Amino acid sequence: MLRYMRHGATRVFTKLINSAVANAQREGETNVDSLLVNRVYVDEGVTLRRFRFKAMGRVAPIRKRTSHITVELGFR
């Protein structure tokens, strides 16, 4: 389903789910066809704080935000 969606984050989630399936397959003797995505959630990560120079000697803060994505797989 993710392959045909036109959202920007679908590539990231596709790679993430493929990686989770590969990890589950490598960890034990699990059947890949019986895996389901139980839960996907995104938590706030570390915020990098930078400054951008503005007119008349002033500066403006820039917050470069990151996130942590977690995928939980289960069985049928």
PDB file of N, CA and C in Angstrom:
ATOM      1  N   MET A   1       0.813  -1.182   0.000  1.00  0.00           N
ATOM      2  CA  MET A   1       0.000   0.000   0.000  1.00  0.00           C
ATOM      3  C   MET A   1       0.869   1.263   0.000  1.00  0.00           C
ATOM      4  N   LEU A   2       1.981   1.206   0.716  1.00  0.00           N
ATOM      5  CA  LEU A   2       2.845   2.384   0.784  1.00  0.00           C
ATOM      6  C   LEU A   2       3.476   2.706  -0.556  1.00  0.00           C
ATOM      7  N   ARG A   3       3.670   1.713  -1.387  1.00  0.00           N
ATOM      8  CA  ARG A   3       4.335   1.915  -2.663  1.00  0.00           C
ATOM      9  C   ARG A   3       3.547   2.860  -3.581  1.00  0.00           C
ATOM     10  N   TYR A   4       2.227   2.855  -3.479  1.00  0.00           N
ATOM     11  CA  TYR A   4       1.398   3.633  -4.390  1.00  0.00           C
ATOM     12  C   TYR A   4       0.898   4.944  -3.792  1.00  0.00           C
ATOM     13  N   MET A   5       1.281   5.259  -2.578  1.00  0.00           N
ATOM     14  CA  MET A   5       0.882   6.530  -1.965  1.00  0.00           C
ATOM     15  C   MET A   5       1.847   7.621  -2.400  1.00  0.00           C
ATOM     16  N   ARG A   6       1.364   8.854  -2.482  1.00  0.00           N
ATOM     17  CA  ARG A   6       2.181   9.954  -2.971  1.00  0.00           C
ATOM     18  C   ARG A   6       2.638  10.882  -1.859  1.00  0.00           C
ATOM     19  N   HIS A   7       2.818  10.384  -0.678  1.00  0.00           N
ATOM     20  CA  HIS A   7       3.296  11.194   0.433  1.00  0.00           C
ATOM     21  C   HIS A   7       4.819  11.130   0.491  1.00  0.00           C
ATOM     22  N   GLY A   8       5.421  12.165   1.042  1.00  0.00           N
ATOM     23  CA  GLY A   8       6.874  12.230   1.081  1.00  0.00           C
ATOM     24  C   GLY A   8       7.508  11.219   2.016  1.00  0.00           C
ATOM     25  N   ALA A   9       6.799  10.841   3.070  1.00  0.00           N
ATOM     26  CA  ALA A   9       7.376   9.955   4.075  1.00  0.00           C
ATOM     27  C   ALA A   9       7.206   8.477   3.748  1.00  0.00           C
ATOM     28  N   THR A  10       6.580   8.146   2.635  1.00  0.00           N
ATOM     29  CA  THR A  10       6.346   6.732   2.346  1.00  0.00           C
ATOM     30  C   THR A  10       7.638   5.974   2.085  1.00  0.00           C
ATOM     31  N   ARG A  11       8.629   6.627   1.485  1.00  0.00           N
ATOM     32  CA  ARG A  11       9.917   5.949   1.259  1.00  0.00           C
ATOM     33  C   ARG A  11      10.586   5.604   2.581  1.00  0.00           C
ATOM     34  N   VAL A  12      10.538   6.529   3.523  1.00  0.00           N
ATOM     35  CA  VAL A  12      11.159   6.305   4.829  1.00  0.00           C
ATOM     36  C   VAL A  12      10.462   5.157   5.552  1.00  0.00           C
ATOM     37  N   PHE A  13       9.127   5.148   5.553  1.00  0.00           N
ATOM     38  CA  PHE A  13       8.399   4.092   6.242  1.00  0.00           C
ATOM     39  C   PHE A  13       8.554   2.744   5.544  1.00  0.00           C
ATOM     40  N   THR A  14       8.655   2.737   4.229  1.00  0.00           N
ATOM     41  CA  THR A  14       8.879   1.484   3.504  1.00  0.00           C
ATOM     42  C   THR A  14      10.229   0.878   3.878  1.00  0.00           C
ATOM     43  N   LYS A  15      11.264   1.711   3.889  1.00  0.00           N
ATOM     44  CA  LYS A  15      12.585   1.221   4.281  1.00  0.00           C
ATOM     45  C   LYS A  15      12.594   0.752   5.732  1.00  0.00           C
ATOM     46  N   LEU A  16      11.879   1.463   6.593  1.00  0.00           N
ATOM     47  CA  LEU A  16      11.824   1.108   8.013  1.00  0.00           C
ATOM     48  C   LEU A  16      11.131  -0.232   8.225  1.00  0.00           C
ATOM     49  N   ILE A  17      10.015  -0.448   7.547  1.00  0.00           N
ATOM     50  CA  ILE A  17       9.288  -1.706   7.692  1.00  0.00           C
ATOM     51  C   ILE A  17      10.080  -2.861   7.083  1.00  0.00           C
ATOM     52  N   ASN A  18      10.728  -2.630   5.939  1.00  0.00           N
ATOM     53  CA  ASN A  18      11.572  -3.680   5.347  1.00  0.00           C
ATOM     54  C   ASN A  18      12.730  -4.045   6.276  1.00  0.00           C
ATOM     55  N   SER A  19      13.304  -3.061   6.940  1.00  0.00           N
ATOM     56  CA  SER A  19      14.385  -3.322   7.885  1.00  0.00           C
ATOM     57  C   SER A  19      13.884  -4.104   9.094  1.00  0.00           C
ATOM     58  N   ALA A  20      12.692  -3.765   9.585  1.00  0.00           N
ATOM     59  CA  ALA A  20      12.123  -4.491  10.728  1.00  0.00           C
ATOM     60  C   ALA A  20      11.826  -5.944  10.367  1.00  0.00           C
ATOM     61  N   VAL A  21      11.325  -6.181   9.170  1.00  0.00           N
ATOM     62  CA  VAL A  21      11.054  -7.553   8.722  1.00  0.00           C
ATOM     63  C   VAL A  21      12.356  -8.326   8.584  1.00  0.00           C
ATOM     64  N   ALA A  22      13.394  -7.694   8.039  1.00  0.00           N
ATOM     65  CA  ALA A  22      14.687  -8.365   7.902  1.00  0.00           C
ATOM     66  C   ALA A  22      15.288  -8.690   9.258  1.00  0.00           C
ATOM     67  N   ASN A  23      15.139  -7.777  10.229  1.00  0.00           N
ATOM     68  CA  ASN A  23      15.639  -8.048  11.578  1.00  0.00           C
ATOM     69  C   ASN A  23      14.878  -9.186  12.233  1.00  0.00           C
ATOM     70  N   ALA A  24      13.563  -9.235  12.054  1.00  0.00           N
ATOM     71  CA  ALA A  24      12.770 -10.328  12.634  1.00  0.00           C
ATOM     72  C   ALA A  24      13.130 -11.655  11.999  1.00  0.00           C
ATOM     73  N   GLN A  25      13.399 -11.651  10.712  1.00  0.00           N
ATOM     74  CA  GLN A  25      13.778 -12.876  10.021  1.00  0.00           C
ATOM     75  C   GLN A  25      15.155 -13.345  10.462  1.00  0.00           C
ATOM     76  N   ARG A  26      16.061 -12.409  10.689  1.00  0.00           N
ATOM     77  CA  ARG A  26      17.417 -12.767  11.090  1.00  0.00           C
ATOM     78  C   ARG A  26      17.482 -13.238  12.540  1.00  0.00           C
ATOM     79  N   GLU A  27      16.656 -12.666  13.407  1.00  0.00           N
ATOM     80  CA  GLU A  27      16.706 -12.991  14.835  1.00  0.00           C
ATOM     81  C   GLU A  27      16.226 -14.407  15.138  1.00  0.00           C
ATOM     82  N   GLY A  28      15.196 -14.844  14.468  1.00  0.00           N
ATOM     83  CA  GLY A  28      14.671 -16.176  14.767  1.00  0.00           C
ATOM     84  C   GLY A  28      14.122 -16.841  13.531  1.00  0.00           C
ATOM     85  N   GLU A  29      13.526 -17.966  13.746  1.00  0.00           N
ATOM     86  CA  GLU A  29      12.954 -18.710  12.637  1.00  0.00           C
ATOM     87  C   GLU A  29      11.494 -18.309  12.471  1.00  0.00           C
ATOM     88  N   THR A  30      11.259 -17.098  12.041  1.00  0.00           N
ATOM     89  CA  THR A  30       9.899 -16.603  11.868  1.00  0.00           C
ATOM     90  C   THR A  30       9.527 -16.634  10.396  1.00  0.00           C
ATOM     91  N   ASN A  31       8.264 -16.859  10.153  1.00  0.00           N
ATOM     92  CA  ASN A  31       7.740 -16.836   8.797  1.00  0.00           C
ATOM     93  C   ASN A  31       7.390 -15.387   8.459  1.00  0.00           C
ATOM     94  N   VAL A  32       7.976 -14.862   7.415  1.00  0.00           N
ATOM     95  CA  VAL A  32       7.783 -13.461   7.036  1.00  0.00           C
ATOM     96  C   VAL A  32       6.333 -13.205   6.641  1.00  0.00           C
ATOM     97  N   ASP A  33       5.662 -14.207   6.083  1.00  0.00           N
ATOM     98  CA  ASP A  33       4.283 -14.029   5.637  1.00  0.00           C
ATOM     99  C   ASP A  33       3.308 -13.875   6.802  1.00  0.00           C
ATOM    100  N   SER A  34       3.683 -14.304   8.002  1.00  0.00           N
ATOM    101  CA  SER A  34       2.778 -14.213   9.142  1.00  0.00           C
ATOM    102  C   SER A  34       3.000 -12.949   9.970  1.00  0.00           C
ATOM    103  N   LEU A  35       3.900 -12.077   9.563  1.00  0.00           N
ATOM    104  CA  LEU A  35       4.158 -10.851  10.312  1.00  0.00           C
ATOM    105  C   LEU A  35       3.149  -9.762   9.975  1.00  0.00           C
ATOM    106  N   LEU A  36       2.745  -9.019  10.993  1.00  0.00           N
ATOM    107  CA  LEU A  36       1.866  -7.866  10.846  1.00  0.00           C
ATOM    108  C   LEU A  36       2.486  -6.679  11.567  1.00  0.00           C
ATOM    109  N   VAL A  37       2.168  -5.492  11.118  1.00  0.00           N
ATOM    110  CA  VAL A  37       2.615  -4.282  11.816  1.00  0.00           C
ATOM    111  C   VAL A  37       1.614  -3.995  12.917  1.00  0.00           C
ATOM    112  N   ASN A  38       2.037  -4.159  14.174  1.00  0.00           N
ATOM    113  CA  ASN A  38       1.148  -3.887  15.302  1.00  0.00           C
ATOM    114  C   ASN A  38       1.017  -2.406  15.579  1.00  0.00           C
ATOM    115  N   ARG A  39       2.159  -1.740  15.641  1.00  0.00           N
ATOM    116  CA  ARG A  39       2.132  -0.330  16.027  1.00  0.00           C
ATOM    117  C   ARG A  39       3.324   0.392  15.416  1.00  0.00           C
ATOM    118  N   VAL A  40       3.087   1.614  14.977  1.00  0.00           N
ATOM    119  CA  VAL A  40       4.139   2.501  14.493  1.00  0.00           C
ATOM    120  C   VAL A  40       3.944   3.828  15.203  1.00  0.00           C
ATOM    121  N   TYR A  41       4.985   4.313  15.869  1.00  0.00           N
ATOM    122  CA  TYR A  41       4.860   5.610  16.512  1.00  0.00           C
ATOM    123  C   TYR A  41       6.144   6.401  16.367  1.00  0.00           C
ATOM    124  N   VAL A  42       5.985   7.716  16.416  1.00  0.00           N
ATOM    125  CA  VAL A  42       7.094   8.644  16.214  1.00  0.00           C
ATOM    126  C   VAL A  42       7.232   9.488  17.468  1.00  0.00           C
ATOM    127  N   ASP A  43       8.420   9.502  18.039  1.00  0.00           N
ATOM    128  CA  ASP A  43       8.711  10.307  19.222  1.00  0.00           C
ATOM    129  C   ASP A  43       9.647  11.444  18.837  1.00  0.00           C
ATOM    130  N   GLU A  44       9.626  12.476  19.660  1.00  0.00           N
ATOM    131  CA  GLU A  44      10.502  13.609  19.424  1.00  0.00           C
ATOM    132  C   GLU A  44      11.934  13.241  19.784  1.00  0.00           C
ATOM    133  N   GLY A  45      12.865  13.642  18.937  1.00  0.00           N
ATOM    134  CA  GLY A  45      14.272  13.364  19.173  1.00  0.00           C
ATOM    135  C   GLY A  45      14.997  14.590  19.693  1.00  0.00           C
ATOM    136  N   VAL A  46      16.286  14.605  19.503  1.00  0.00           N
ATOM    137  CA  VAL A  46      17.137  15.694  19.966  1.00  0.00           C
ATOM    138  C   VAL A  46      16.923  16.914  19.068  1.00  0.00           C
ATOM    139  N   THR A  47      16.898  18.099  19.667  1.00  0.00           N
ATOM    140  CA  THR A  47      16.776  19.338  18.911  1.00  0.00           C
ATOM    141  C   THR A  47      18.125  20.031  18.878  1.00  0.00           C
ATOM    142  N   LEU A  48      18.643  20.258  17.665  1.00  0.00           N
ATOM    143  CA  LEU A  48      19.893  20.993  17.506  1.00  0.00           C
ATOM    144  C   LEU A  48      19.575  22.478  17.470  1.00  0.00           C
ATOM    145  N   ARG A  49      20.273  23.257  18.264  1.00  0.00           N
ATOM    146  CA  ARG A  49      20.013  24.685  18.325  1.00  0.00           C
ATOM    147  C   ARG A  49      21.125  25.428  17.598  1.00  0.00           C
ATOM    148  N   ARG A  50      20.730  26.206  16.596  1.00  0.00           N
ATOM    149  CA  ARG A  50      21.648  27.001  15.804  1.00  0.00           C
ATOM    150  C   ARG A  50      21.145  28.436  15.765  1.00  0.00           C
ATOM    151  N   PHE A  51      21.981  29.349  15.227  1.00  0.00           N
ATOM    152  CA  PHE A  51      21.586  30.749  15.108  1.00  0.00           C
ATOM    153  C   PHE A  51      21.818  31.226  13.687  1.00  0.00           C
ATOM    154  N   ARG A  52      20.933  32.073  13.208  1.00  0.00           N
ATOM    155  CA  ARG A  52      21.064  32.692  11.895  1.00  0.00           C
ATOM    156  C   ARG A  52      21.207  34.196  12.095  1.00  0.00           C
ATOM    157  N   PHE A  53      22.138  34.778  11.387  1.00  0.00           N
ATOM    158  CA  PHE A  53      22.377  36.204  11.529  1.00  0.00           C
ATOM    159  C   PHE A  53      21.322  36.991  10.758  1.00  0.00           C
ATOM    160  N   LYS A  54      20.859  38.073  11.366  1.00  0.00           N
ATOM    161  CA  LYS A  54      19.848  38.939  10.772  1.00  0.00           C
ATOM    162  C   LYS A  54      20.408  40.346  10.610  1.00  0.00           C
ATOM    163  N   ALA A  55      19.559  41.243  10.190  1.00  0.00           N
ATOM    164  CA  ALA A  55      19.980  42.619   9.946  1.00  0.00           C
ATOM    165  C   ALA A  55      20.305  43.346  11.249  1.00  0.00           C
ATOM    166  N   MET A  56      21.128  44.340  11.160  1.00  0.00           N
ATOM    167  CA  MET A  56      21.513  45.232  12.262  1.00  0.00           C
ATOM    168  C   MET A  56      22.139  44.477  13.432  1.00  0.00           C
ATOM    169  N   GLY A  57      22.903  43.441  13.137  1.00  0.00           N
ATOM    170  CA  GLY A  57      23.648  42.744  14.173  1.00  0.00           C
ATOM    171  C   GLY A  57      22.839  41.810  15.041  1.00  0.00           C
ATOM    172  N   ARG A  58      21.628  41.518  14.677  1.00  0.00           N
ATOM    173  CA  ARG A  58      20.784  40.629  15.473  1.00  0.00           C
ATOM    174  C   ARG A  58      20.945  39.185  15.003  1.00  0.00           C
ATOM    175  N   VAL A  59      20.487  38.268  15.851  1.00  0.00           N
ATOM    176  CA  VAL A  59      20.473  36.853  15.482  1.00  0.00           C
ATOM    177  C   VAL A  59      19.086  36.296  15.754  1.00  0.00           C
ATOM    178  N   ALA A  60      18.735  35.253  15.029  1.00  0.00           N
ATOM    179  CA  ALA A  60      17.458  34.571  15.220  1.00  0.00           C
ATOM    180  C   ALA A  60      17.746  33.090  15.466  1.00  0.00           C
ATOM    181  N   PRO A  61      17.089  32.490  16.446  1.00  0.00           N
ATOM    182  CA  PRO A  61      17.340  31.068  16.713  1.00  0.00           C
ATOM    183  C   PRO A  61      16.718  30.168  15.648  1.00  0.00           C
ATOM    184  N   ILE A  62      17.411  29.075  15.374  1.00  0.00           N
ATOM    185  CA  ILE A  62      16.914  28.036  14.470  1.00  0.00           C
ATOM    186  C   ILE A  62      16.927  26.736  15.252  1.00  0.00           C
ATOM    187  N   ARG A  63      15.816  26.019  15.216  1.00  0.00           N
ATOM    188  CA  ARG A  63      15.739  24.716  15.876  1.00  0.00           C
ATOM    189  C   ARG A  63      15.633  23.642  14.808  1.00  0.00           C
ATOM    190  N   LYS A  64      16.657  22.799  14.714  1.00  0.00           N
ATOM    191  CA  LYS A  64      16.649  21.685  13.773  1.00  0.00           C
ATOM    192  C   LYS A  64      16.184  20.455  14.536  1.00  0.00           C
ATOM    193  N   ARG A  65      14.943  20.052  14.294  1.00  0.00           N
ATOM    194  CA  ARG A  65      14.333  18.980  15.065  1.00  0.00           C
ATOM    195  C   ARG A  65      14.555  17.628  14.403  1.00  0.00           C
ATOM    196  N   THR A  66      14.660  16.599  15.227  1.00  0.00           N
ATOM    197  CA  THR A  66      14.802  15.226  14.756  1.00  0.00           C
ATOM    198  C   THR A  66      13.691  14.385  15.375  1.00  0.00           C
ATOM    199  N   SER A  67      13.573  13.142  14.936  1.00  0.00           N
ATOM    200  CA  SER A  67      12.538  12.265  15.469  1.00  0.00           C
ATOM    201  C   SER A  67      13.047  10.830  15.522  1.00  0.00           C
ATOM    202  N   HIS A  68      12.410  10.040  16.374  1.00  0.00           N
ATOM    203  CA  HIS A  68      12.691   8.612  16.511  1.00  0.00           C
ATOM    204  C   HIS A  68      11.440   7.853  16.073  1.00  0.00           C
ATOM    205  N   ILE A  69      11.587   6.941  15.115  1.00  0.00           N
ATOM    206  CA  ILE A  69      10.454   6.162  14.609  1.00  0.00           C
ATOM    207  C   ILE A  69      10.612   4.732  15.119  1.00  0.00           C
ATOM    208  N   THR A  70       9.542   4.172  15.684  1.00  0.00           N
ATOM    209  CA  THR A  70       9.558   2.829  16.226  1.00  0.00           C
ATOM    210  C   THR A  70       8.479   1.996  15.552  1.00  0.00           C
ATOM    211  N   VAL A  71       8.833   0.789  15.123  1.00  0.00           N
ATOM    212  CA  VAL A  71       7.880  -0.143  14.492  1.00  0.00           C
ATOM    213  C   VAL A  71       7.846  -1.401  15.335  1.00  0.00           C
ATOM    214  N   GLU A  72       6.628  -1.840  15.696  1.00  0.00           N
ATOM    215  CA  GLU A  72       6.452  -3.097  16.431  1.00  0.00           C
ATOM    216  C   GLU A  72       5.729  -4.072  15.523  1.00  0.00           C
ATOM    217  N   LEU A  73       6.327  -5.248  15.344  1.00  0.00           N
ATOM    218  CA  LEU A  73       5.742  -6.292  14.520  1.00  0.00           C
ATOM    219  C   LEU A  73       5.134  -7.376  15.394  1.00  0.00           C
ATOM    220  N   GLY A  74       4.112  -8.034  14.895  1.00  0.00           N
ATOM    221  CA  GLY A  74       3.476  -9.141  15.613  1.00  0.00           C
ATOM    222  C   GLY A  74       3.142 -10.246  14.633  1.00  0.00           C
ATOM    223  N   PHE A  75       2.513 -11.286  15.154  1.00  0.00           N
ATOM    224  CA  PHE A  75       2.139 -12.441  14.345  1.00  0.00           C
ATOM    225  C   PHE A  75       0.629 -12.517  14.190  1.00  0.00           C
ATOM    226  N   ARG A  76       0.204 -13.200  13.149  1.00  0.00           N
ATOM    227  CA  ARG A  76      -1.226 -13.421  12.940  1.00  0.00           C
ATOM    228  C   ARG A  76      -1.781 -14.358  13.965  1.00  0.00           C
TER     229      ARG A  76
END
